[in-house]
Amino acid sequence: MPFEKVDPIAEAIELQDEFKDDSETKEMFRQYELAHRENARLEQEEAELRARLINYRKKKNITQKDLESRTGLTQQAISRFETTGGGSIKTILKYAEGLDCQLIPVER
């Protein structure tokens, strides 16, 4: 039996409505909704950063193997980062450093 994909934000909104007469439970589901919205936002920002780094690597004609020798990261770790986003902040920083670029915080 296949798994059904669930939208946690839509589910939380539906549950808030279902528990509209129970303010404590409604608030709990509102917080759940907000947490999922924030998580979705962060995942989107991570994906955008990853795409920019990959495009920059390709623009500079640097292969994953080249990046491996520049960073000490394994080619597998680089590939995993590029395909799934796997990796820690250290991986991201090493990846950027291997491209001779910096990640600079910018105020919104």
C-alpha atoms as a PDB file:
ATOM      1  CA  MET A   1       0.000   0.000   0.000  1.00  0.00           C
ATOM      2  CA  PRO A   2       1.587   3.325  -1.048  1.00  0.00           C
ATOM      3  CA  PHE A   3       1.990   6.158   1.407  1.00  0.00           C
ATOM      4  CA  GLU A   4      -0.250   9.167   1.018  1.00  0.00           C
ATOM      5  CA  LYS A   5       1.584  12.485   0.918  1.00  0.00           C
ATOM      6  CA  VAL A   6       0.313  14.805   3.625  1.00  0.00           C
ATOM      7  CA  ASP A   7       0.608  18.580   3.590  1.00  0.00           C
ATOM      8  CA  PRO A   8       1.367  19.378   7.247  1.00  0.00           C
ATOM      9  CA  ILE A   9       0.434  23.048   6.846  1.00  0.00           C
ATOM     10  CA  ALA A  10      -2.981  22.283   5.344  1.00  0.00           C
ATOM     11  CA  GLU A  11      -3.514  19.612   7.973  1.00  0.00           C
ATOM     12  CA  ALA A  12      -2.672  22.047  10.782  1.00  0.00           C
ATOM     13  CA  ILE A  13      -5.067  24.649   9.388  1.00  0.00           C
ATOM     14  CA  GLU A  14      -7.813  22.038   9.143  1.00  0.00           C
ATOM     15  CA  LEU A  15      -7.189  20.935  12.736  1.00  0.00           C
ATOM     16  CA  GLN A  16      -7.259  24.541  13.961  1.00  0.00           C
ATOM     17  CA  ASP A  17     -10.720  24.851  12.468  1.00  0.00           C
ATOM     18  CA  GLU A  18     -11.777  21.514  13.934  1.00  0.00           C
ATOM     19  CA  PHE A  19     -10.682  22.620  17.417  1.00  0.00           C
ATOM     20  CA  LYS A  20     -11.885  26.223  17.148  1.00  0.00           C
ATOM     21  CA  ASP A  21     -13.801  25.860  20.412  1.00  0.00           C
ATOM     22  CA  ASP A  22     -10.740  24.605  22.295  1.00  0.00           C
ATOM     23  CA  SER A  23      -8.386  27.580  22.324  1.00  0.00           C
ATOM     24  CA  GLU A  24      -5.437  25.688  23.831  1.00  0.00           C
ATOM     25  CA  THR A  25      -5.529  22.924  21.220  1.00  0.00           C
ATOM     26  CA  LYS A  26      -6.202  25.425  18.428  1.00  0.00           C
ATOM     27  CA  GLU A  27      -3.120  27.404  19.513  1.00  0.00           C
ATOM     28  CA  MET A  28      -1.025  24.226  19.574  1.00  0.00           C
ATOM     29  CA  PHE A  29      -1.966  23.512  15.935  1.00  0.00           C
ATOM     30  CA  ARG A  30      -1.348  27.154  15.015  1.00  0.00           C
ATOM     31  CA  GLN A  31       2.181  26.846  16.411  1.00  0.00           C
ATOM     32  CA  TYR A  32       2.584  23.577  14.492  1.00  0.00           C
ATOM     33  CA  GLU A  33       1.520  25.372  11.291  1.00  0.00           C
ATOM     34  CA  LEU A  34       3.966  28.228  11.904  1.00  0.00           C
ATOM     35  CA  ALA A  35       6.820  25.801  12.543  1.00  0.00           C
ATOM     36  CA  HIS A  36       6.119  23.980   9.277  1.00  0.00           C
ATOM     37  CA  ARG A  37       5.907  27.249   7.356  1.00  0.00           C
ATOM     38  CA  GLU A  38       9.280  28.305   8.767  1.00  0.00           C
ATOM     39  CA  ASN A  39      10.790  24.931   7.930  1.00  0.00           C
ATOM     40  CA  ALA A  40       9.499  25.185   4.343  1.00  0.00           C
ATOM     41  CA  ARG A  41      11.002  28.682   4.041  1.00  0.00           C
ATOM     42  CA  LEU A  42      14.382  27.488   5.289  1.00  0.00           C
ATOM     43  CA  GLU A  43      14.344  24.494   2.950  1.00  0.00           C
ATOM     44  CA  GLN A  44      13.633  26.841   0.032  1.00  0.00           C
ATOM     45  CA  GLU A  45      16.505  29.141   1.000  1.00  0.00           C
ATOM     46  CA  GLU A  46      18.827  26.146   1.349  1.00  0.00           C
ATOM     47  CA  ALA A  47      17.827  24.876  -2.104  1.00  0.00           C
ATOM     48  CA  GLU A  48      18.441  28.322  -3.620  1.00  0.00           C
ATOM     49  CA  LEU A  49      21.882  28.574  -1.999  1.00  0.00           C
ATOM     50  CA  ARG A  50      22.787  25.071  -3.159  1.00  0.00           C
ATOM     51  CA  ALA A  51      21.672  25.882  -6.735  1.00  0.00           C
ATOM     52  CA  ARG A  52      23.734  29.087  -6.755  1.00  0.00           C
ATOM     53  CA  LEU A  53      26.839  27.265  -5.534  1.00  0.00           C
ATOM     54  CA  ILE A  54      26.415  24.481  -8.096  1.00  0.00           C
ATOM     55  CA  ASN A  55      25.923  27.008 -10.904  1.00  0.00           C
ATOM     56  CA  TYR A  56      29.005  28.902  -9.744  1.00  0.00           C
ATOM     57  CA  ARG A  57      31.056  25.684  -9.726  1.00  0.00           C
ATOM     58  CA  LYS A  58      29.929  24.826 -13.249  1.00  0.00           C
ATOM     59  CA  LYS A  59      30.491  28.397 -14.481  1.00  0.00           C
ATOM     60  CA  LYS A  60      34.100  28.182 -13.247  1.00  0.00           C
ATOM     61  CA  ASN A  61      34.474  24.755 -14.956  1.00  0.00           C
ATOM     62  CA  ILE A  62      35.371  23.071 -11.669  1.00  0.00           C
ATOM     63  CA  THR A  63      34.497  19.385 -11.484  1.00  0.00           C
ATOM     64  CA  GLN A  64      33.404  17.624  -8.325  1.00  0.00           C
ATOM     65  CA  LYS A  65      36.770  15.815  -8.426  1.00  0.00           C
ATOM     66  CA  ASP A  66      38.580  19.187  -8.596  1.00  0.00           C
ATOM     67  CA  LEU A  67      36.520  20.404  -5.655  1.00  0.00           C
ATOM     68  CA  GLU A  68      37.428  17.245  -3.739  1.00  0.00           C
ATOM     69  CA  SER A  69      41.143  18.046  -3.987  1.00  0.00           C
ATOM     70  CA  ARG A  70      40.567  21.705  -3.108  1.00  0.00           C
ATOM     71  CA  THR A  71      38.407  21.076  -0.026  1.00  0.00           C
ATOM     72  CA  GLY A  72      39.232  17.681   1.429  1.00  0.00           C
ATOM     73  CA  LEU A  73      35.557  16.760   1.074  1.00  0.00           C
ATOM     74  CA  THR A  74      34.998  13.453  -0.656  1.00  0.00           C
ATOM     75  CA  GLN A  75      33.482  13.450  -4.130  1.00  0.00           C
ATOM     76  CA  GLN A  76      30.602  11.458  -2.634  1.00  0.00           C
ATOM     77  CA  ALA A  77      29.970  14.172  -0.011  1.00  0.00           C
ATOM     78  CA  ILE A  78      30.047  16.830  -2.734  1.00  0.00           C
ATOM     79  CA  SER A  79      27.627  14.844  -4.888  1.00  0.00           C
ATOM     80  CA  ARG A  80      25.316  14.225  -1.925  1.00  0.00           C
ATOM     81  CA  PHE A  81      25.331  17.942  -1.099  1.00  0.00           C
ATOM     82  CA  GLU A  82      24.525  18.840  -4.706  1.00  0.00           C
ATOM     83  CA  THR A  83      21.744  16.285  -5.144  1.00  0.00           C
ATOM     84  CA  THR A  84      20.028  16.100  -1.773  1.00  0.00           C
ATOM     85  CA  GLY A  85      21.408  18.982   0.237  1.00  0.00           C
ATOM     86  CA  GLY A  86      23.003  16.543   2.649  1.00  0.00           C
ATOM     87  CA  GLY A  87      25.797  18.014   4.694  1.00  0.00           C
ATOM     88  CA  SER A  88      26.508  20.289   7.587  1.00  0.00           C
ATOM     89  CA  ILE A  89      27.248  23.994   7.584  1.00  0.00           C
ATOM     90  CA  LYS A  90      30.930  22.963   7.572  1.00  0.00           C
ATOM     91  CA  THR A  91      30.341  21.146   4.279  1.00  0.00           C
ATOM     92  CA  ILE A  92      28.712  24.227   2.781  1.00  0.00           C
ATOM     93  CA  LEU A  93      31.518  26.490   3.961  1.00  0.00           C
ATOM     94  CA  LYS A  94      34.211  24.144   2.627  1.00  0.00           C
ATOM     95  CA  TYR A  95      32.361  23.837  -0.672  1.00  0.00           C
ATOM     96  CA  ALA A  96      32.208  27.638  -1.022  1.00  0.00           C
ATOM     97  CA  GLU A  97      35.839  28.007   0.031  1.00  0.00           C
ATOM     98  CA  GLY A  98      36.839  25.480  -2.643  1.00  0.00           C
ATOM     99  CA  LEU A  99      35.187  27.757  -5.203  1.00  0.00           C
ATOM    100  CA  ASP A 100      37.130  30.750  -3.853  1.00  0.00           C
ATOM    101  CA  CYS A 101      33.947  32.428  -2.705  1.00  0.00           C
ATOM    102  CA  GLN A 102      32.505  33.486   0.626  1.00  0.00           C
ATOM    103  CA  LEU A 103      29.092  33.223   2.134  1.00  0.00           C
ATOM    104  CA  ILE A 104      28.341  36.690   3.390  1.00  0.00           C
ATOM    105  CA  PRO A 105      25.291  37.447   5.519  1.00  0.00           C
ATOM    106  CA  VAL A 106      23.228  40.237   3.993  1.00  0.00           C
ATOM    107  CA  GLU A 107      20.596  42.128   5.920  1.00  0.00           C
ATOM    108  CA  ARG A 108      17.121  41.881   4.392  1.00  0.00           C
END
